[in-house]
PDB file of N, CA and C in Angstrom:
ATOM      1  N   UNK A   1       0.830  -1.195   0.000  1.00  0.00           N
ATOM      2  CA  UNK A   1       0.000   0.000   0.000  1.00  0.00           C
ATOM      3  C   UNK A   1       0.871   1.255   0.000  1.00  0.00           C
ATOM      4  N   UNK A   2       1.959   1.208   0.739  1.00  0.00           N
ATOM      5  CA  UNK A   2       2.845   2.368   0.790  1.00  0.00           C
ATOM      6  C   UNK A   2       3.442   2.691  -0.566  1.00  0.00           C
ATOM      7  N   UNK A   3       3.829   1.644  -1.290  1.00  0.00           N
ATOM      8  CA  UNK A   3       4.388   1.846  -2.624  1.00  0.00           C
ATOM      9  C   UNK A   3       3.356   2.450  -3.565  1.00  0.00           C
ATOM     10  N   UNK A   4       2.127   1.971  -3.475  1.00  0.00           N
ATOM     11  CA  UNK A   4       1.047   2.522  -4.298  1.00  0.00           C
ATOM     12  C   UNK A   4       0.835   3.997  -3.994  1.00  0.00           C
ATOM     13  N   UNK A   5       0.854   4.354  -2.704  1.00  0.00           N
ATOM     14  CA  UNK A   5       0.680   5.757  -2.322  1.00  0.00           C
ATOM     15  C   UNK A   5       1.812   6.620  -2.891  1.00  0.00           C
ATOM     16  N   UNK A   6       3.050   6.166  -2.730  1.00  0.00           N
ATOM     17  CA  UNK A   6       4.188   6.952  -3.202  1.00  0.00           C
ATOM     18  C   UNK A   6       4.114   7.155  -4.716  1.00  0.00           C
ATOM     19  N   UNK A   7       3.845   6.086  -5.458  1.00  0.00           N
ATOM     20  CA  UNK A   7       3.761   6.212  -6.914  1.00  0.00           C
ATOM     21  C   UNK A   7       2.602   7.105  -7.342  1.00  0.00           C
ATOM     22  N   UNK A   8       1.466   6.965  -6.657  1.00  0.00           N
ATOM     23  CA  UNK A   8       0.316   7.796  -7.047  1.00  0.00           C
ATOM     24  C   UNK A   8       0.586   9.272  -6.777  1.00  0.00           C
ATOM     25  N   UNK A   9       1.266   9.586  -5.684  1.00  0.00           N
ATOM     26  CA  UNK A   9       1.576  10.994  -5.421  1.00  0.00           C
ATOM     27  C   UNK A   9       2.618  11.527  -6.395  1.00  0.00           C
ATOM     28  N   UNK A  10       3.554  10.672  -6.785  1.00  0.00           N
ATOM     29  CA  UNK A  10       4.561  11.108  -7.760  1.00  0.00           C
ATOM     30  C   UNK A  10       3.897  11.497  -9.079  1.00  0.00           C
ATOM     31  N   UNK A  11       2.929  10.708  -9.506  1.00  0.00           N
ATOM     32  CA  UNK A  11       2.279  10.984 -10.786  1.00  0.00           C
ATOM     33  C   UNK A  11       1.144  11.998 -10.677  1.00  0.00           C
ATOM     34  N   UNK A  12       0.473  12.066  -9.536  1.00  0.00           N
ATOM     35  CA  UNK A  12      -0.678  12.964  -9.403  1.00  0.00           C
ATOM     36  C   UNK A  12      -0.274  14.400  -9.088  1.00  0.00           C
ATOM     37  N   UNK A  13       0.763  14.586  -8.301  1.00  0.00           N
ATOM     38  CA  UNK A  13       1.123  15.930  -7.845  1.00  0.00           C
ATOM     39  C   UNK A  13       1.361  16.913  -8.992  1.00  0.00           C
ATOM     40  N   UNK A  14       2.091  16.553 -10.034  1.00  0.00           N
ATOM     41  CA  UNK A  14       2.257  17.526 -11.128  1.00  0.00           C
ATOM     42  C   UNK A  14       0.942  17.859 -11.830  1.00  0.00           C
ATOM     43  N   UNK A  15      -0.008  16.944 -11.815  1.00  0.00           N
ATOM     44  CA  UNK A  15      -1.275  17.156 -12.502  1.00  0.00           C
ATOM     45  C   UNK A  15      -2.259  17.991 -11.685  1.00  0.00           C
ATOM     46  N   UNK A  16      -2.349  17.719 -10.365  1.00  0.00           N
ATOM     47  CA  UNK A  16      -3.374  18.373  -9.547  1.00  0.00           C
ATOM     48  C   UNK A  16      -2.811  19.356  -8.526  1.00  0.00           C
ATOM     49  N   UNK A  17      -1.502  19.375  -8.336  1.00  0.00           N
ATOM     50  CA  UNK A  17      -0.888  20.313  -7.413  1.00  0.00           C
ATOM     51  C   UNK A  17      -0.633  19.696  -6.038  1.00  0.00           C
ATOM     52  N   UNK A  18       0.304  20.289  -5.332  1.00  0.00           N
ATOM     53  CA  UNK A  18       0.715  19.769  -4.029  1.00  0.00           C
ATOM     54  C   UNK A  18      -0.375  19.937  -2.972  1.00  0.00           C
ATOM     55  N   UNK A  19      -1.054  21.084  -2.969  1.00  0.00           N
ATOM     56  CA  UNK A  19      -2.081  21.332  -1.953  1.00  0.00           C
ATOM     57  C   UNK A  19      -3.218  20.325  -2.048  1.00  0.00           C
ATOM     58  N   UNK A  20      -3.683  20.063  -3.252  1.00  0.00           N
ATOM     59  CA  UNK A  20      -4.777  19.110  -3.424  1.00  0.00           C
ATOM     60  C   UNK A  20      -4.315  17.687  -3.126  1.00  0.00           C
ATOM     61  N   UNK A  21      -3.102  17.353  -3.516  1.00  0.00           N
ATOM     62  CA  UNK A  21      -2.572  16.021  -3.220  1.00  0.00           C
ATOM     63  C   UNK A  21      -2.518  15.788  -1.713  1.00  0.00           C
ATOM     64  N   UNK A  22      -1.973  16.745  -0.978  1.00  0.00           N
ATOM     65  CA  UNK A  22      -1.888  16.591   0.474  1.00  0.00           C
ATOM     66  C   UNK A  22      -3.269  16.630   1.118  1.00  0.00           C
ATOM     67  N   UNK A  23      -4.150  17.459   0.612  1.00  0.00           N
ATOM     68  CA  UNK A  23      -5.509  17.512   1.143  1.00  0.00           C
ATOM     69  C   UNK A  23      -6.240  16.195   0.970  1.00  0.00           C
ATOM     70  N   UNK A  24      -6.107  15.587  -0.197  1.00  0.00           N
ATOM     71  CA  UNK A  24      -6.740  14.286  -0.440  1.00  0.00           C
ATOM     72  C   UNK A  24      -6.129  13.204   0.445  1.00  0.00           C
ATOM     73  N   UNK A  25      -4.824  13.284   0.663  1.00  0.00           N
ATOM     74  CA  UNK A  25      -4.157  12.328   1.544  1.00  0.00           C
ATOM     75  C   UNK A  25      -4.708  12.423   2.957  1.00  0.00           C
ATOM     76  N   UNK A  26      -4.813  13.622   3.467  1.00  0.00           N
ATOM     77  CA  UNK A  26      -5.311  13.821   4.831  1.00  0.00           C
ATOM     78  C   UNK A  26      -6.776  13.424   4.935  1.00  0.00           C
ATOM     79  N   UNK A  27      -7.577  13.773   3.940  1.00  0.00           N
ATOM     80  CA  UNK A  27      -8.991  13.391   3.963  1.00  0.00           C
ATOM     81  C   UNK A  27      -9.140  11.871   3.963  1.00  0.00           C
ATOM     82  N   UNK A  28      -8.348  11.190   3.163  1.00  0.00           N
ATOM     83  CA  UNK A  28      -8.388   9.731   3.138  1.00  0.00           C
ATOM     84  C   UNK A  28      -7.977   9.126   4.464  1.00  0.00           C
ATOM     85  N   UNK A  29      -6.970   9.701   5.099  1.00  0.00           N
ATOM     86  CA  UNK A  29      -6.538   9.219   6.408  1.00  0.00           C
ATOM     87  C   UNK A  29      -7.610   9.451   7.463  1.00  0.00           C
ATOM     88  N   UNK A  30      -8.306  10.575   7.381  1.00  0.00           N
ATOM     89  CA  UNK A  30      -9.369  10.855   8.349  1.00  0.00           C
ATOM     90  C   UNK A  30     -10.519   9.864   8.201  1.00  0.00           C
ATOM     91  N   UNK A  31     -10.914   9.556   6.971  1.00  0.00           N
ATOM     92  CA  UNK A  31     -11.990   8.591   6.740  1.00  0.00           C
ATOM     93  C   UNK A  31     -11.564   7.214   7.250  1.00  0.00           C
ATOM     94  N   UNK A  32     -10.344   6.812   6.929  1.00  0.00           N
ATOM     95  CA  UNK A  32      -9.853   5.512   7.382  1.00  0.00           C
ATOM     96  C   UNK A  32      -9.790   5.453   8.906  1.00  0.00           C
ATOM     97  N   UNK A  33      -9.333   6.520   9.544  1.00  0.00           N
ATOM     98  CA  UNK A  33      -9.245   6.553  10.997  1.00  0.00           C
ATOM     99  C   UNK A  33     -10.624   6.480  11.644  1.00  0.00           C
ATOM    100  N   UNK A  34     -11.602   7.128  11.029  1.00  0.00           N
ATOM    101  CA  UNK A  34     -12.962   7.079  11.565  1.00  0.00           C
ATOM    102  C   UNK A  34     -13.478   5.638  11.565  1.00  0.00           C
ATOM    103  N   UNK A  35     -13.250   4.909  10.476  1.00  0.00           N
ATOM    104  CA  UNK A  35     -13.676   3.512  10.413  1.00  0.00           C
ATOM    105  C   UNK A  35     -12.897   2.643  11.397  1.00  0.00           C
ATOM    106  N   UNK A  36     -11.590   2.835  11.471  1.00  0.00           N
ATOM    107  CA  UNK A  36     -10.780   2.036  12.386  1.00  0.00           C
ATOM    108  C   UNK A  36     -11.208   2.262  13.834  1.00  0.00           C
ATOM    109  N   UNK A  37     -11.441   3.514  14.204  1.00  0.00           N
ATOM    110  CA  UNK A  37     -11.887   3.825  15.567  1.00  0.00           C
ATOM    111  C   UNK A  37     -13.275   3.263  15.842  1.00  0.00           C
ATOM    112  N   UNK A  38     -14.168   3.377  14.886  1.00  0.00           N
ATOM    113  CA  UNK A  38     -15.544   2.941  15.095  1.00  0.00           C
ATOM    114  C   UNK A  38     -15.624   1.438  15.361  1.00  0.00           C
ATOM    115  N   UNK A  39     -14.819   0.659  14.632  1.00  0.00           N
ATOM    116  CA  UNK A  39     -14.884  -0.795  14.765  1.00  0.00           C
ATOM    117  C   UNK A  39     -13.811  -1.362  15.689  1.00  0.00           C
ATOM    118  N   UNK A  40     -12.923  -0.534  16.190  1.00  0.00           N
ATOM    119  CA  UNK A  40     -11.865  -1.016  17.067  1.00  0.00           C
ATOM    120  C   UNK A  40     -10.914  -1.963  16.348  1.00  0.00           C
ATOM    121  N   UNK A  41     -10.708  -1.705  15.075  1.00  0.00           N
ATOM    122  CA  UNK A  41      -9.861  -2.579  14.264  1.00  0.00           C
ATOM    123  C   UNK A  41      -8.418  -2.528  14.746  1.00  0.00           C
ATOM    124  N   UNK A  42      -7.682  -3.557  14.414  1.00  0.00           N
ATOM    125  CA  UNK A  42      -6.257  -3.744  14.741  1.00  0.00           C
ATOM    126  C   UNK A  42      -5.960  -3.479  16.219  1.00  0.00           C
ATOM    127  N   UNK A  43      -6.889  -3.830  17.075  1.00  0.00           N
ATOM    128  CA  UNK A  43      -6.670  -3.723  18.512  1.00  0.00           C
ATOM    129  C   UNK A  43      -6.847  -2.341  19.110  1.00  0.00           C
ATOM    130  N   UNK A  44      -7.423  -1.418  18.372  1.00  0.00           N
ATOM    131  CA  UNK A  44      -7.633  -0.059  18.884  1.00  0.00           C
ATOM    132  C   UNK A  44      -8.822  -0.018  19.834  1.00  0.00           C
ATOM    133  N   UNK A  45      -8.817   0.952  20.709  1.00  0.00           N
ATOM    134  CA  UNK A  45      -9.975   1.196  21.556  1.00  0.00           C
ATOM    135  C   UNK A  45     -11.100   1.722  20.676  1.00  0.00           C
ATOM    136  N   UNK A  46     -12.307   1.235  20.911  1.00  0.00           N
ATOM    137  CA  UNK A  46     -13.447   1.676  20.096  1.00  0.00           C
ATOM    138  C   UNK A  46     -13.882   3.075  20.511  1.00  0.00           C
ATOM    139  N   UNK A  47     -14.005   3.929  19.519  1.00  0.00           N
ATOM    140  CA  UNK A  47     -14.576   5.256  19.676  1.00  0.00           C
ATOM    141  C   UNK A  47     -15.677   5.354  18.636  1.00  0.00           C
ATOM    142  N   UNK A  48     -16.922   5.425  19.058  1.00  0.00           N
ATOM    143  CA  UNK A  48     -18.012   5.423  18.079  1.00  0.00           C
ATOM    144  C   UNK A  48     -17.967   6.641  17.156  1.00  0.00           C
ATOM    145  N   UNK A  49     -18.455   6.427  15.950  1.00  0.00           N
ATOM    146  CA  UNK A  49     -18.517   7.505  14.963  1.00  0.00           C
ATOM    147  C   UNK A  49     -19.697   8.404  15.311  1.00  0.00           C
ATOM    148  N   UNK A  50     -19.461   9.325  16.223  1.00  0.00           N
ATOM    149  CA  UNK A  50     -20.507  10.242  16.660  1.00  0.00           C
ATOM    150  C   UNK A  50     -20.782  11.278  15.574  1.00  0.00           C
ATOM    151  N   UNK A  51     -21.919  11.943  15.673  1.00  0.00           N
ATOM    152  CA  UNK A  51     -22.211  12.991  14.679  1.00  0.00           C
ATOM    153  C   UNK A  51     -21.133  14.075  14.631  1.00  0.00           C
ATOM    154  N   UNK A  52     -20.540  14.392  15.769  1.00  0.00           N
ATOM    155  CA  UNK A  52     -19.498  15.420  15.790  1.00  0.00           C
ATOM    156  C   UNK A  52     -18.257  14.960  15.037  1.00  0.00           C
ATOM    157  N   UNK A  53     -17.876  13.708  15.224  1.00  0.00           N
ATOM    158  CA  UNK A  53     -16.689  13.187  14.532  1.00  0.00           C
ATOM    159  C   UNK A  53     -16.951  13.083  13.034  1.00  0.00           C
ATOM    160  N   UNK A  54     -18.127  12.640  12.661  1.00  0.00           N
ATOM    161  CA  UNK A  54     -18.480  12.556  11.241  1.00  0.00           C
ATOM    162  C   UNK A  54     -18.485  13.953  10.626  1.00  0.00           C
ATOM    163  N   UNK A  55     -19.026  14.925  11.358  1.00  0.00           N
ATOM    164  CA  UNK A  55     -19.050  16.304  10.870  1.00  0.00           C
ATOM    165  C   UNK A  55     -17.630  16.833  10.676  1.00  0.00           C
ATOM    166  N   UNK A  56     -16.719  16.476  11.559  1.00  0.00           N
ATOM    167  CA  UNK A  56     -15.328  16.896  11.407  1.00  0.00           C
ATOM    168  C   UNK A  56     -14.705  16.357  10.137  1.00  0.00           C
ATOM    169  N   UNK A  57     -14.959  15.088   9.846  1.00  0.00           N
ATOM    170  CA  UNK A  57     -14.430  14.486   8.620  1.00  0.00           C
ATOM    171  C   UNK A  57     -15.079  15.126   7.399  1.00  0.00           C
ATOM    172  N   UNK A  58     -16.372  15.386   7.471  1.00  0.00           N
ATOM    173  CA  UNK A  58     -17.059  16.044   6.352  1.00  0.00           C
ATOM    174  C   UNK A  58     -16.468  17.435   6.120  1.00  0.00           C
ATOM    175  N   UNK A  59     -16.136  18.152   7.186  1.00  0.00           N
ATOM    176  CA  UNK A  59     -15.536  19.483   7.030  1.00  0.00           C
ATOM    177  C   UNK A  59     -14.175  19.395   6.359  1.00  0.00           C
ATOM    178  N   UNK A  60     -13.403  18.372   6.688  1.00  0.00           N
ATOM    179  CA  UNK A  60     -12.111  18.183   6.029  1.00  0.00           C
ATOM    180  C   UNK A  60     -12.326  17.945   4.534  1.00  0.00           C
ATOM    181  N   UNK A  61     -13.298  17.103   4.204  1.00  0.00           N
ATOM    182  CA  UNK A  61     -13.590  16.813   2.797  1.00  0.00           C
ATOM    183  C   UNK A  61     -14.086  18.073   2.079  1.00  0.00           C
ATOM    184  N   UNK A  62     -14.908  18.873   2.751  1.00  0.00           N
ATOM    185  CA  UNK A  62     -15.355  20.138   2.150  1.00  0.00           C
ATOM    186  C   UNK A  62     -14.182  21.088   1.929  1.00  0.00           C
ATOM    187  N   UNK A  63     -13.244  21.103   2.865  1.00  0.00           N
ATOM    188  CA  UNK A  63     -12.046  21.926   2.706  1.00  0.00           C
ATOM    189  C   UNK A  63     -11.237  21.513   1.492  1.00  0.00           C
ATOM    190  N   UNK A  64     -11.097  20.209   1.303  1.00  0.00           N
ATOM    191  CA  UNK A  64     -10.385  19.702   0.123  1.00  0.00           C
ATOM    192  C   UNK A  64     -11.134  20.103  -1.145  1.00  0.00           C
ATOM    193  N   UNK A  65     -12.461  20.058  -1.089  1.00  0.00           N
ATOM    194  CA  UNK A  65     -13.262  20.469  -2.246  1.00  0.00           C
ATOM    195  C   UNK A  65     -13.030  21.938  -2.580  1.00  0.00           C
ATOM    196  N   UNK A  66     -12.917  22.772  -1.549  1.00  0.00           N
ATOM    197  CA  UNK A  66     -12.637  24.189  -1.785  1.00  0.00           C
ATOM    198  C   UNK A  66     -11.270  24.389  -2.423  1.00  0.00           C
ATOM    199  N   UNK A  67     -10.284  23.617  -1.982  1.00  0.00           N
ATOM    200  CA  UNK A  67      -8.946  23.705  -2.592  1.00  0.00           C
ATOM    201  C   UNK A  67      -9.025  23.307  -4.053  1.00  0.00           C
ATOM    202  N   UNK A  68      -9.780  22.245  -4.346  1.00  0.00           N
ATOM    203  CA  UNK A  68      -9.907  21.782  -5.731  1.00  0.00           C
ATOM    204  C   UNK A  68     -10.650  22.826  -6.574  1.00  0.00           C
ATOM    205  N   UNK A  69     -11.679  23.425  -6.018  1.00  0.00           N
ATOM    206  CA  UNK A  69     -12.460  24.417  -6.759  1.00  0.00           C
ATOM    207  C   UNK A  69     -11.638  25.685  -6.989  1.00  0.00           C
ATOM    208  N   UNK A  70     -10.872  26.100  -6.001  1.00  0.00           N
ATOM    209  CA  UNK A  70     -10.077  27.320  -6.114  1.00  0.00           C
ATOM    210  C   UNK A  70      -8.967  27.165  -7.152  1.00  0.00           C
ATOM    211  N   UNK A  71      -8.552  25.941  -7.394  1.00  0.00           N
ATOM    212  CA  UNK A  71      -7.475  25.688  -8.353  1.00  0.00           C
ATOM    213  C   UNK A  71      -7.908  26.048  -9.771  1.00  0.00           C
ATOM    214  N   UNK A  72      -9.183  25.900 -10.053  1.00  0.00           N
ATOM    215  CA  UNK A  72      -9.649  26.117 -11.416  1.00  0.00           C
ATOM    216  C   UNK A  72      -9.902  27.534 -11.617  1.00  0.00           C
TER     217      UNK A  72
END
């Protein structure tokens, strides 16, 4: 997975820009973390996906959308 991430950023960054690449990376990590916390995967303590936590992830995704929109 790490190799896939590195190669995708190498090829995507010149096309979409560094800000959008990093924003998408962080948004993806936030979504993954929300699922991992909710289900207590890989031995983590369970933290339910409360409306506040979901709203936080949605705000991150909206922020990335603004970066993408501002680029054009």
